[in-house]
Protein backbone atom coordinates (compact mmCIF):
# COMPACT_ATOMS: atom_id res chain seq x y z
CA MET A 1 11.60 -19.01 -14.62
CA ARG A 2 14.61 -17.93 -12.52
CA GLN A 3 13.94 -17.09 -8.90
CA PHE A 4 15.62 -15.04 -6.20
CA ASP A 5 15.22 -16.18 -2.61
CA GLU A 6 15.67 -13.65 0.18
CA MET A 7 17.26 -16.10 2.63
CA TYR A 8 19.14 -18.53 0.44
CA SER A 9 21.57 -17.90 -2.40
CA ARG A 10 21.03 -21.59 -3.16
CA LEU A 11 17.76 -23.13 -2.03
CA PRO A 12 18.08 -26.25 0.13
CA ALA A 13 17.47 -29.51 -1.70
CA SER A 14 15.61 -32.33 0.01
CA GLY A 15 17.45 -33.30 3.18
CA GLN A 16 20.25 -30.81 2.55
CA GLU A 17 21.12 -27.31 3.72
CA GLY A 18 21.07 -24.40 1.33
CA GLU A 19 23.58 -21.54 1.16
CA VAL A 20 22.35 -18.81 3.48
CA ARG A 21 22.81 -15.13 2.66
CA GLU A 22 25.07 -13.28 5.10
CA HIS A 23 22.39 -11.07 6.71
CA TYR A 24 20.26 -14.16 7.42
CA LEU A 25 23.02 -16.29 8.98
CA ALA A 26 22.20 -15.72 12.66
CA TYR A 27 18.48 -16.23 12.07
CA ALA A 28 19.08 -19.39 9.98
CA ARG A 29 21.17 -20.92 12.80
CA TRP A 30 18.37 -20.17 15.27
CA LEU A 31 15.69 -21.60 12.94
CA GLN A 32 17.70 -24.79 12.41
CA ALA A 33 17.65 -25.40 16.18
CA GLN A 34 13.87 -25.10 16.50
CA ALA A 35 11.82 -28.28 16.85
CA PRO A 36 8.90 -28.50 14.36
CA GLN A 37 6.43 -28.98 17.21
CA THR A 38 7.67 -25.76 18.87
CA MET A 39 7.05 -23.76 15.69
CA ALA A 40 3.63 -25.38 15.26
CA ALA A 41 2.69 -24.41 18.83
CA ARG A 42 3.85 -20.82 18.26
CA ARG A 43 1.79 -20.67 15.07
CA GLU A 44 -1.34 -21.78 16.94
CA GLU A 45 -0.63 -19.26 19.70
CA ALA A 46 -0.32 -16.42 17.17
CA GLU A 47 -3.60 -17.37 15.50
CA MET A 48 -5.40 -17.51 18.86
CA ILE A 49 -4.10 -14.07 19.89
CA PHE A 50 -4.93 -12.45 16.55
CA ARG A 51 -8.43 -13.88 16.70
CA ARG A 52 -8.91 -12.67 20.28
CA VAL A 53 -7.70 -9.15 19.42
CA GLY A 54 -9.97 -9.11 16.36
CA ILE A 55 -7.33 -8.57 13.67
CA THR A 56 -9.50 -9.54 10.72
CA PHE A 57 -10.01 -8.47 7.14
CA ALA A 58 -13.49 -8.31 5.59
CA VAL A 59 -13.65 -9.90 2.15
CA TYR A 60 -16.10 -8.31 -0.25
CA GLY A 61 -18.04 -10.66 -2.51
CA ASP A 62 -17.44 -13.54 -0.11
CA LYS A 63 -20.74 -14.18 1.65
CA ASP A 64 -21.79 -16.11 4.72
CA GLU A 65 -25.01 -18.13 4.73
CA ASP A 66 -26.96 -15.10 5.97
CA GLY A 67 -25.71 -13.03 3.02
CA SER A 68 -23.32 -10.86 5.02
CA GLY A 69 -19.67 -10.41 4.11
CA THR A 70 -17.15 -12.75 5.71
CA GLU A 71 -14.32 -11.69 7.96
CA ARG A 72 -11.09 -13.62 7.74
CA LEU A 73 -8.05 -13.77 9.92
CA ILE A 74 -5.10 -12.59 7.87
CA PRO A 75 -2.60 -15.46 8.07
CA PHE A 76 0.57 -14.45 9.90
CA ASP A 77 3.81 -16.19 9.04
CA LEU A 78 6.40 -16.91 11.74
CA ILE A 79 9.48 -16.51 9.53
CA PRO A 80 10.49 -12.85 9.11
CA ARG A 81 11.66 -11.17 5.93
CA VAL A 82 15.12 -9.72 6.70
CA ILE A 83 16.66 -6.80 4.77
CA ALA A 84 20.27 -5.69 5.20
CA ALA A 85 20.92 -2.14 6.45
CA GLN A 86 22.64 -0.96 3.25
CA GLU A 87 19.84 -2.26 1.03
CA TRP A 88 17.25 -0.42 3.09
CA LYS A 89 19.28 2.80 2.97
CA SER A 90 19.16 2.79 -0.82
CA MET A 91 15.46 1.84 -0.90
CA GLU A 92 14.59 4.58 1.60
CA ALA A 93 16.35 7.21 -0.54
CA GLY A 94 14.41 5.97 -3.57
CA LEU A 95 11.11 6.14 -1.70
CA VAL A 96 11.73 9.72 -0.50
CA GLN A 97 12.64 10.72 -4.05
CA ARG A 98 9.60 9.04 -5.62
CA VAL A 99 6.99 10.33 -3.16
CA THR A 100 8.43 13.86 -3.35
CA ALA A 101 8.06 13.79 -7.15
CA LEU A 102 4.53 12.39 -6.93
CA ASN A 103 3.45 15.18 -4.58
CA ARG A 104 4.97 17.77 -6.93
CA PHE A 105 3.09 16.17 -9.83
CA ILE A 106 -0.30 16.26 -8.08
CA HIS A 107 0.17 19.93 -7.17
CA ASP A 108 1.21 20.67 -10.74
CA VAL A 109 -1.79 19.03 -12.46
CA TYR A 110 -4.18 21.03 -10.26
CA HIS A 111 -2.26 24.29 -10.78
CA ASP A 112 0.15 25.26 -13.60
CA GLN A 113 0.15 21.88 -15.40
CA ASP A 114 3.76 22.37 -16.51
CA ILE A 115 4.29 18.64 -17.11
CA LEU A 116 1.30 18.57 -19.46
CA LYS A 117 2.43 21.71 -21.29
CA ALA A 118 5.84 20.09 -21.75
CA GLY A 119 4.14 17.14 -23.48
CA ILE A 120 5.63 14.59 -21.07
CA ILE A 121 2.21 13.22 -20.14
CA PRO A 122 -0.71 13.52 -22.61
CA ARG A 123 -3.22 16.07 -21.32
CA GLU A 124 -6.24 13.88 -22.07
CA GLN A 125 -4.74 11.09 -19.98
CA ILE A 126 -4.99 13.32 -16.92
CA GLU A 127 -8.06 15.45 -17.53
CA HIS A 128 -10.16 12.48 -18.73
CA ASN A 129 -8.95 10.33 -15.85
CA ALA A 130 -11.72 9.14 -13.51
CA GLN A 131 -9.56 10.13 -10.51
CA PHE A 132 -8.95 13.70 -11.71
CA ARG A 133 -11.09 16.07 -9.61
CA PRO A 134 -11.83 19.38 -11.42
CA GLU A 135 -13.05 20.67 -8.03
CA MET A 136 -9.39 20.72 -6.89
CA VAL A 137 -8.06 22.93 -9.71
CA GLY A 138 -6.49 26.02 -8.12
CA VAL A 139 -7.11 24.79 -4.56
CA ASP A 140 -4.06 25.25 -2.32
CA VAL A 141 -3.35 22.65 0.37
CA PRO A 142 -0.97 23.02 3.35
CA ASN A 143 2.72 22.61 2.38
CA ASN A 144 1.57 21.57 -1.14
CA ILE A 145 1.38 17.99 0.18
CA TYR A 146 -1.37 15.81 -1.27
CA SER A 147 -0.32 12.28 -0.37
CA HIS A 148 0.57 12.46 3.31
CA ILE A 149 0.50 8.67 3.68
CA SER A 150 1.81 6.71 0.69
CA GLY A 151 1.98 2.94 0.44
CA ILE A 152 4.53 2.03 -2.24
CA ASP A 153 4.46 -1.61 -3.33
CA ILE A 154 7.96 -2.95 -4.02
CA VAL A 155 8.88 -6.31 -5.49
CA ARG A 156 12.21 -7.99 -6.08
CA ALA A 157 13.08 -10.06 -9.12
CA PRO A 158 16.29 -11.72 -10.33
CA ASP A 159 18.51 -9.68 -12.63
CA SER A 160 20.95 -10.96 -15.26
CA ALA A 161 23.70 -11.33 -12.62
CA GLY A 162 21.46 -13.48 -10.42
CA LYS A 163 21.08 -10.75 -7.81
CA GLY A 164 17.72 -9.44 -6.74
CA GLU A 165 16.70 -6.06 -8.15
CA TYR A 166 13.97 -3.94 -6.56
CA TYR A 167 11.10 -2.52 -8.64
CA VAL A 168 8.12 -0.37 -7.73
CA LEU A 169 5.00 -2.28 -8.72
CA GLU A 170 2.36 0.23 -7.60
CA ASP A 171 1.94 3.59 -5.90
CA ASN A 172 -0.97 3.64 -3.42
CA LEU A 173 -1.72 7.27 -2.66
CA ARG A 174 -5.44 7.50 -1.90
CA VAL A 175 -6.15 5.52 1.27
CA PRO A 176 -3.33 2.95 1.55
CA SER A 177 -4.00 0.28 4.16
CA GLY A 178 -2.05 -2.42 5.97
CA VAL A 179 0.13 -0.50 8.40
CA SER A 180 -1.73 -1.91 11.43
CA TYR A 181 -0.69 -5.42 10.35
CA MET A 182 2.93 -4.25 10.13
CA LEU A 183 2.72 -3.07 13.75
CA GLU A 184 0.82 -6.09 15.06
CA ASP A 185 3.16 -8.53 13.28
CA ARG A 186 6.14 -6.99 15.07
CA LYS A 187 4.39 -7.13 18.45
CA MET A 188 3.56 -10.79 17.82
CA MET A 189 7.15 -11.71 16.89
CA MET A 190 8.49 -9.97 20.00
CA ARG A 191 5.96 -11.83 22.12
CA LEU A 192 6.58 -15.27 20.61
CA PHE A 193 10.35 -15.06 20.11
CA PRO A 194 11.81 -12.42 22.47
CA GLU A 195 15.24 -14.08 22.31
CA LEU A 196 15.53 -13.23 18.60
CA PHE A 197 15.45 -9.50 19.33
CA SER A 198 18.34 -9.77 21.74
CA GLN A 199 20.36 -11.62 19.07
CA HIS A 200 19.55 -9.20 16.21
CA ARG A 201 19.64 -5.40 16.03
CA VAL A 202 16.29 -4.93 14.34
CA ALA A 203 15.19 -1.35 13.63
CA PRO A 204 11.99 -0.48 15.57
CA VAL A 205 8.62 0.30 13.97
CA ALA A 206 6.47 0.91 17.08
CA HIS A 207 6.84 4.70 16.77
CA TYR A 208 4.85 4.79 13.51
CA PRO A 209 1.65 6.17 15.18
CA ASP A 210 3.74 9.03 16.66
CA LEU A 211 5.18 9.86 13.23
CA LEU A 212 1.71 9.63 11.68
CA LEU A 213 0.23 12.03 14.23
CA GLU A 214 3.17 14.40 13.74
CA THR A 215 2.58 14.29 9.97
CA LEU A 216 -1.15 14.94 10.32
CA ARG A 217 -0.68 17.81 12.75
CA ALA A 218 1.91 19.36 10.40
CA SER A 219 -0.75 19.48 7.66
CA SER A 220 -3.14 21.52 9.79
CA PRO A 221 -4.35 24.95 8.57
CA ALA A 222 -1.87 27.62 9.64
CA THR A 223 -4.43 29.38 11.86
CA THR A 224 -4.45 26.53 14.38
CA ALA A 225 -1.90 26.27 17.20
CA GLU A 226 -3.22 23.01 18.70
CA PRO A 227 -4.89 21.12 15.86
CA THR A 228 -7.64 18.59 16.50
CA VAL A 229 -7.13 15.43 14.40
CA VAL A 230 -9.78 12.78 13.71
CA VAL A 231 -9.83 9.52 11.75
CA LEU A 232 -12.84 9.34 9.41
CA THR A 233 -14.03 5.76 8.79
CA PRO A 234 -16.86 4.47 6.58
CA GLY A 235 -17.86 2.32 9.55
CA MET A 236 -17.50 -1.13 11.01
CA TYR A 237 -18.46 -2.95 7.81
CA ASN A 238 -15.46 -1.61 5.91
CA SER A 239 -12.76 -4.20 5.16
CA ALA A 240 -10.08 -2.19 6.99
CA TYR A 241 -12.18 -1.06 9.97
CA PHE A 242 -9.85 -2.78 12.43
CA GLU A 243 -7.04 -0.58 11.15
CA HIS A 244 -9.08 2.64 11.38
CA ALA A 245 -9.95 1.96 15.02
CA PHE A 246 -6.42 0.76 15.81
CA LEU A 247 -4.70 3.87 14.43
CA ALA A 248 -7.13 6.27 16.11
CA GLN A 249 -6.55 4.51 19.43
CA GLN A 250 -2.75 4.46 18.96
CA MET A 251 -2.65 8.18 18.11
CA GLY A 252 -5.07 9.09 20.90
CA VAL A 253 -7.54 10.80 18.55
CA GLU A 254 -11.25 10.36 17.88
CA LEU A 255 -12.56 7.80 15.40
CA VAL A 256 -15.55 9.37 13.64
CA GLU A 257 -18.10 8.55 10.96
CA GLY A 258 -19.65 11.08 8.60
CA GLN A 259 -22.72 11.46 10.81
CA ASP A 260 -20.48 12.63 13.68
CA LEU A 261 -19.36 15.69 11.67
CA PHE A 262 -21.12 18.85 10.49
CA VAL A 263 -20.10 22.10 8.79
CA LYS A 264 -21.03 25.57 10.02
CA ASP A 265 -19.71 28.84 8.55
CA LYS A 266 -17.19 26.84 6.49
CA PHE A 267 -15.68 25.18 9.56
CA VAL A 268 -15.93 21.47 10.39
CA TYR A 269 -17.12 20.35 13.82
CA MET A 270 -17.62 17.00 15.47
CA ARG A 271 -20.46 16.27 17.83
CA THR A 272 -19.30 15.40 21.35
CA THR A 273 -21.02 14.93 24.70
CA ARG A 274 -19.64 18.35 25.66
CA GLY A 275 -20.98 20.05 22.56
CA PRO A 276 -19.45 20.79 19.12
CA LYS A 277 -15.65 20.67 18.80
CA ARG A 278 -13.84 22.14 15.82
CA VAL A 279 -11.90 19.69 13.64
CA ASP A 280 -8.69 20.82 11.91
CA VAL A 281 -7.33 17.65 10.29
CA ILE A 282 -9.28 14.68 8.91
CA TYR A 283 -7.31 11.49 8.26
CA ARG A 284 -9.89 10.08 5.92
CA ARG A 285 -10.27 6.40 5.10
CA VAL A 286 -13.22 7.19 2.82
CA ASP A 287 -12.90 7.50 -0.98
CA ASP A 288 -13.36 10.88 -2.70
CA ASP A 289 -16.75 9.96 -4.13
CA PHE A 290 -18.29 9.59 -0.67
CA LEU A 291 -16.73 12.57 1.15
CA ASP A 292 -19.30 15.28 0.46
CA PRO A 293 -22.79 14.58 -0.91
CA ASN A 294 -23.08 18.24 -1.97
CA VAL A 295 -20.20 17.86 -4.41
CA PHE A 296 -19.68 14.20 -5.24
CA ARG A 297 -22.13 11.31 -4.84
CA PRO A 298 -25.38 12.87 -3.57
CA THR A 299 -26.63 9.62 -2.02
CA SER A 300 -23.53 9.14 0.15
CA THR A 301 -24.11 8.91 3.89
CA LEU A 302 -20.43 8.22 4.64
CA GLY A 303 -19.17 11.79 4.36
CA CYS A 304 -20.16 15.25 5.56
CA ALA A 305 -22.23 17.79 3.61
CA GLY A 306 -20.31 21.03 3.12
CA LEU A 307 -16.89 19.45 3.74
CA MET A 308 -15.47 20.59 0.38
CA GLU A 309 -16.54 24.18 1.04
CA ALA A 310 -14.64 24.19 4.35
CA TYR A 311 -11.69 22.48 2.64
CA LYS A 312 -11.49 25.03 -0.18
CA ALA A 313 -11.70 27.84 2.38
CA GLY A 314 -8.57 26.45 4.02
CA HIS A 315 -10.30 25.74 7.32
CA VAL A 316 -9.67 22.00 7.41
CA ALA A 317 -7.00 19.64 6.05
CA ILE A 318 -7.97 16.32 4.48
CA CYS A 319 -5.30 13.62 4.46
CA ASN A 320 -4.80 12.31 1.88
CA ALA A 321 -5.98 15.26 -0.19
CA VAL A 322 -8.99 15.05 -2.47
CA GLY A 323 -7.90 14.22 -6.03
CA THR A 324 -4.72 12.40 -5.02
CA GLY A 325 -5.87 9.31 -6.91
CA VAL A 326 -4.89 10.88 -10.23
CA ALA A 327 -1.28 9.93 -9.39
CA ASP A 328 -1.85 6.31 -8.36
CA ASP A 329 -3.85 5.33 -11.41
CA LYS A 330 -2.04 2.52 -13.23
CA SER A 331 -2.21 4.44 -16.52
CA VAL A 332 -0.13 7.23 -14.91
CA TYR A 333 2.36 4.83 -13.24
CA PRO A 334 4.58 4.50 -16.38
CA TYR A 335 5.33 8.24 -16.22
CA VAL A 336 6.63 8.36 -12.62
CA PRO A 337 10.33 8.05 -13.64
CA ASP A 338 9.72 11.02 -15.99
CA MET A 339 8.22 12.95 -13.04
CA VAL A 340 11.37 12.35 -10.99
CA GLN A 341 13.50 13.79 -13.79
CA PHE A 342 11.10 16.65 -14.59
CA TYR A 343 10.52 17.94 -11.04
CA LEU A 344 13.73 16.96 -9.27
CA GLY A 345 16.28 16.81 -12.10
CA GLU A 346 17.45 13.42 -10.81
CA GLU A 347 17.72 9.89 -12.14
CA PRO A 348 15.17 7.59 -10.46
CA ILE A 349 16.73 5.42 -7.75
CA LEU A 350 13.88 2.87 -7.83
CA LYS A 351 12.91 1.38 -11.17
CA ASN A 352 9.45 0.84 -12.60
CA VAL A 353 8.40 -2.53 -13.99
CA PRO A 354 8.42 -2.23 -17.83
CA THR A 355 4.84 -1.41 -18.77
CA PHE A 356 2.79 -1.60 -21.96
CA GLN A 357 0.02 0.99 -22.20
CA CYS A 358 -2.80 -0.69 -24.06
CA ARG A 359 -4.15 2.72 -25.15
CA LYS A 360 -1.16 2.82 -27.54
CA PRO A 361 -1.79 0.75 -30.71
CA ASP A 362 1.66 -0.88 -30.79
CA ASP A 363 1.50 -1.76 -27.07
CA LEU A 364 -1.99 -3.20 -27.52
CA LYS A 365 -0.84 -5.29 -30.49
CA TYR A 366 2.09 -6.69 -28.48
CA THR A 367 -0.14 -7.38 -25.46
CA LEU A 368 -2.78 -9.24 -27.50
CA ALA A 369 -0.07 -11.37 -29.12
CA ASN A 370 1.54 -12.27 -25.75
CA LEU A 371 -1.34 -12.55 -23.28
CA LYS A 372 -0.19 -15.96 -22.06
CA ASP A 373 3.11 -14.45 -20.85
CA LEU A 374 1.94 -11.12 -19.39
CA VAL A 375 0.16 -9.70 -16.36
CA VAL A 376 -2.70 -7.45 -17.50
CA LYS A 377 -4.27 -5.01 -15.01
CA GLU A 378 -7.24 -2.67 -15.00
CA VAL A 379 -5.94 0.88 -14.60
CA HIS A 380 -8.43 1.51 -11.75
CA GLY A 381 -8.20 -2.01 -10.29
CA ALA A 382 -7.03 -2.79 -6.75
CA GLY A 383 -6.72 -5.64 -4.30
CA GLY A 384 -5.65 -8.17 -6.93
CA TYR A 385 -9.02 -7.97 -8.71
CA GLY A 386 -9.54 -7.19 -12.39
CA MET A 387 -6.23 -8.68 -13.51
CA LEU A 388 -4.96 -11.52 -15.66
CA VAL A 389 -1.81 -13.46 -14.75
CA GLY A 390 -1.18 -15.01 -18.15
CA PRO A 391 1.05 -17.97 -17.18
CA ALA A 392 -1.43 -19.04 -14.47
CA SER A 393 -4.61 -18.56 -16.55
CA THR A 394 -6.70 -20.93 -18.65
CA GLN A 395 -7.21 -20.37 -22.35
CA ALA A 396 -10.82 -19.41 -21.65
CA GLU A 397 -9.71 -16.73 -19.14
CA ILE A 398 -7.18 -15.39 -21.63
CA GLU A 399 -9.82 -15.14 -24.36
CA ARG A 400 -12.20 -13.35 -21.97
CA PHE A 401 -9.50 -10.78 -21.26
CA ARG A 402 -8.75 -10.46 -24.98
CA GLY A 403 -12.37 -9.40 -25.51
CA ALA A 404 -12.19 -6.90 -22.64
CA LEU A 405 -8.96 -5.42 -24.02
CA LEU A 406 -10.39 -4.99 -27.51
CA ALA A 407 -13.54 -3.38 -26.10
CA ASN A 408 -11.70 -0.93 -23.82
CA PRO A 409 -7.92 -0.78 -24.44
CA GLU A 410 -7.57 2.50 -22.46
CA GLY A 411 -8.69 0.64 -19.34
CA TYR A 412 -5.65 -1.68 -19.16
CA ILE A 413 -1.89 -1.88 -18.86
CA ALA A 414 0.29 -4.98 -19.28
CA GLN A 415 3.59 -5.98 -17.70
CA PRO A 416 5.97 -8.91 -18.00
CA THR A 417 5.33 -11.64 -15.43
CA LEU A 418 8.04 -10.98 -12.86
CA SER A 419 9.28 -13.87 -10.81
CA LEU A 420 8.76 -12.22 -7.43
CA SER A 421 11.39 -13.09 -4.87
CA THR A 422 10.58 -15.87 -2.42
CA CYS A 423 11.10 -16.16 1.31
CA PRO A 424 10.95 -19.30 3.47
CA THR A 425 7.43 -19.53 4.86
CA TYR A 426 5.88 -21.80 7.45
CA VAL A 427 3.11 -23.70 5.66
CA ASP A 428 1.16 -26.88 6.49
CA SER A 429 3.77 -29.11 4.86
CA GLY A 430 6.66 -27.44 6.70
CA ILE A 431 8.96 -24.63 5.58
CA ALA A 432 8.77 -23.79 1.86
CA PRO A 433 9.51 -20.77 -0.37
CA ARG A 434 6.59 -18.45 -1.14
CA HIS A 435 6.47 -15.27 -3.22
CA ILE A 436 6.44 -11.92 -1.38
CA ASP A 437 6.25 -8.17 -1.87
CA LEU A 438 6.84 -5.18 0.45
CA ARG A 439 4.71 -2.12 1.19
CA PRO A 440 6.69 0.60 3.03
CA PHE A 441 4.57 3.47 4.37
CA VAL A 442 5.99 6.88 3.52
CA LEU A 443 4.83 9.91 5.54
CA SER A 444 5.02 13.40 4.01
CA GLY A 445 4.63 16.36 6.37
CA ARG A 446 7.23 19.05 6.91
CA THR A 447 9.71 16.34 5.91
CA VAL A 448 9.41 12.92 4.26
CA GLN A 449 10.01 10.11 6.75
CA MET A 450 9.13 6.48 7.41
CA VAL A 451 9.75 3.70 9.87
CA PRO A 452 12.32 1.15 8.64
CA GLY A 453 10.58 -1.63 6.77
CA GLY A 454 6.92 -2.01 5.98
CA LEU A 455 4.35 -4.73 5.47
CA THR A 456 5.64 -7.87 3.77
CA ARG A 457 2.77 -9.72 2.10
CA VAL A 458 3.15 -13.35 1.14
CA ALA A 459 1.29 -15.50 -1.41
CA LEU A 460 0.54 -18.62 0.61
CA LYS A 461 -0.51 -20.77 -2.35
CA GLU A 462 2.42 -22.58 -3.93
CA GLY A 463 3.50 -20.82 -7.12
CA SER A 464 1.00 -17.96 -6.70
CA LEU A 465 2.18 -14.42 -7.43
CA VAL A 466 -0.91 -12.73 -5.90
CA VAL A 467 -0.08 -11.57 -2.38
CA ASN A 468 -3.20 -9.49 -1.61
CA SER A 469 -5.01 -10.26 1.64
CA SER A 470 -8.33 -10.23 -0.22
CA GLN A 471 -6.95 -13.03 -2.41
CA GLY A 472 -5.84 -15.28 0.46
CA GLY A 473 -2.38 -13.81 1.05
CA GLY A 474 -0.70 -13.56 4.44
CA THR A 475 1.78 -11.24 6.14
CA LYS A 476 5.28 -11.42 7.66
CA ASP A 477 7.25 -9.25 10.02
CA THR A 478 9.87 -7.20 8.14
CA TRP A 479 13.25 -6.75 9.80
CA ILE A 480 15.62 -3.99 8.78
CA LEU A 481 18.96 -4.79 10.38
CA GLN A 482 20.76 -1.83 11.96
CA ASP A 483 24.26 -3.11 11.20
C-alpha cells in the first residue's frame, strides 16, 4: 500500500537521509543535530510533567485489580506535525464551509425539513435515527447554531500523483474532546524546546479558551447582558474529566455537576455559597440521554430535572444543542457533501472518504464480498470501538463481523482502508514513521472561527491505523507555519 509521509517526500533508508519536504527543512536540520540521549531525556521530562499535572485519560473496560477503571497517561510525541500555511488556509476554508452546512442541516431537520422533502436524504434515515430528538422539533436556538464546538477528524492519504490529499473521516458534533491535549502539547513543546519557536513562525493556539468563552457567551439568550457560563461535567470518573476541569479553569467559569443545578420558574440556577445564581449558558460534556431525567433517562443523576423546559422556553442555552448527534451519525456522514451543495450552493472543499451504506443491498453485497479489504464501522460507534479493519483482522474476526452485518445491516457503514499519512515519531527503537490524523476544533458563534491547527493523534503501534487514545494512541503538537 502506497504511503504519504508528512516530513519526507522519500523516506530515509537505513543509514541514509531522506528527501525532506520544504516546510520541514528547518526542523529537520535541527532534529539531525540532536543527540539521541538529549531526546530521550526530554521525553522522560515530558512524561514526568504530564503525570504531575494529572493529564490522564480514563479507559473504560480496562480494570485495575480493585475493579475500578484505569487511568493512563496519553503518550506525547516530541516530533511535531508541521503543516504549511497555504495548506492550512485551504483546510480552514473547507472546515468553515462544512460546519456551516452541518448547522444548517440540523436546524432544517428540526424545522422545515427541506432536505428530506427534496429527497436528498431518506426521511426514515433521520426520523428513525437514535440521535434524532423529537423533543427538539420546532425548538429555536440562539443564532440557529446547534454545534458550537465541532471536532472534525481529517486524514491524509496518497493520491494518484503521489501527493497527499485531505479527507474528512468523521464529524464529531455532540461533545468532541481532546482540545486540552492540543493546548498542553503546545505548552510542553515550548517548555522543552524554546529555541524551536524562535526559529519557526508557528501560529499560536493558546487563545483557544478565549475564543471558546466568546463563542459560548454569543450563544446566550438575548435577554442577558452579562451571561453566566458553566461547564457541566458527569464527574471525576468520566474519561475526559481532566479536560472539563481544565477548560473551566482556563475560561474562568464554574465547573458544575448535575446536582449543583436546579430549575425554578423555567430558569436554571446553580447553588453557590452566596445563594442561587442564574445560569445562562451550559457547556455540557454530558450526553443527551442524561441531561434531564424528566424527559430522557429517568434514572439519570448526571443532569438536571426541568432543564429541557427551561431550554425550550429560551431561558438557557445548551452547547452543543440537544439533538446535534443526528448530524454526526456515521449513517448521515455520506450525505454531508450533498448538504454543502443544498444549503450553500457550493462545491465541497473537503472530500469525504468513499462510503458504502450497508443498509443499501448493493453496498451490503459489495461489503460482504470485500471484508478483508475494508474498514467497517458501527454507525453509532466511537473511540475506535465497534469497528473492523479488514487487512489487520483475523479470519475469525472477519466472520464475526459478517454475522453482525447480516443481522443488522443498517447499523454499519464500510470504507476503503486508507493508508493514513505517516509522520516521524519518537518510539522506543528510535525515530520511525507512524500513522496520524488531525482533529481541528471549529467554533460557531456569531462567526465560525478556530485556532490554527488542532490535535494530531498518532497510532504508536507499528502499522496500526487506529489513533484513538482509548486504543493506545498518542498525541503530537501541530504546527501551522505562518509563512
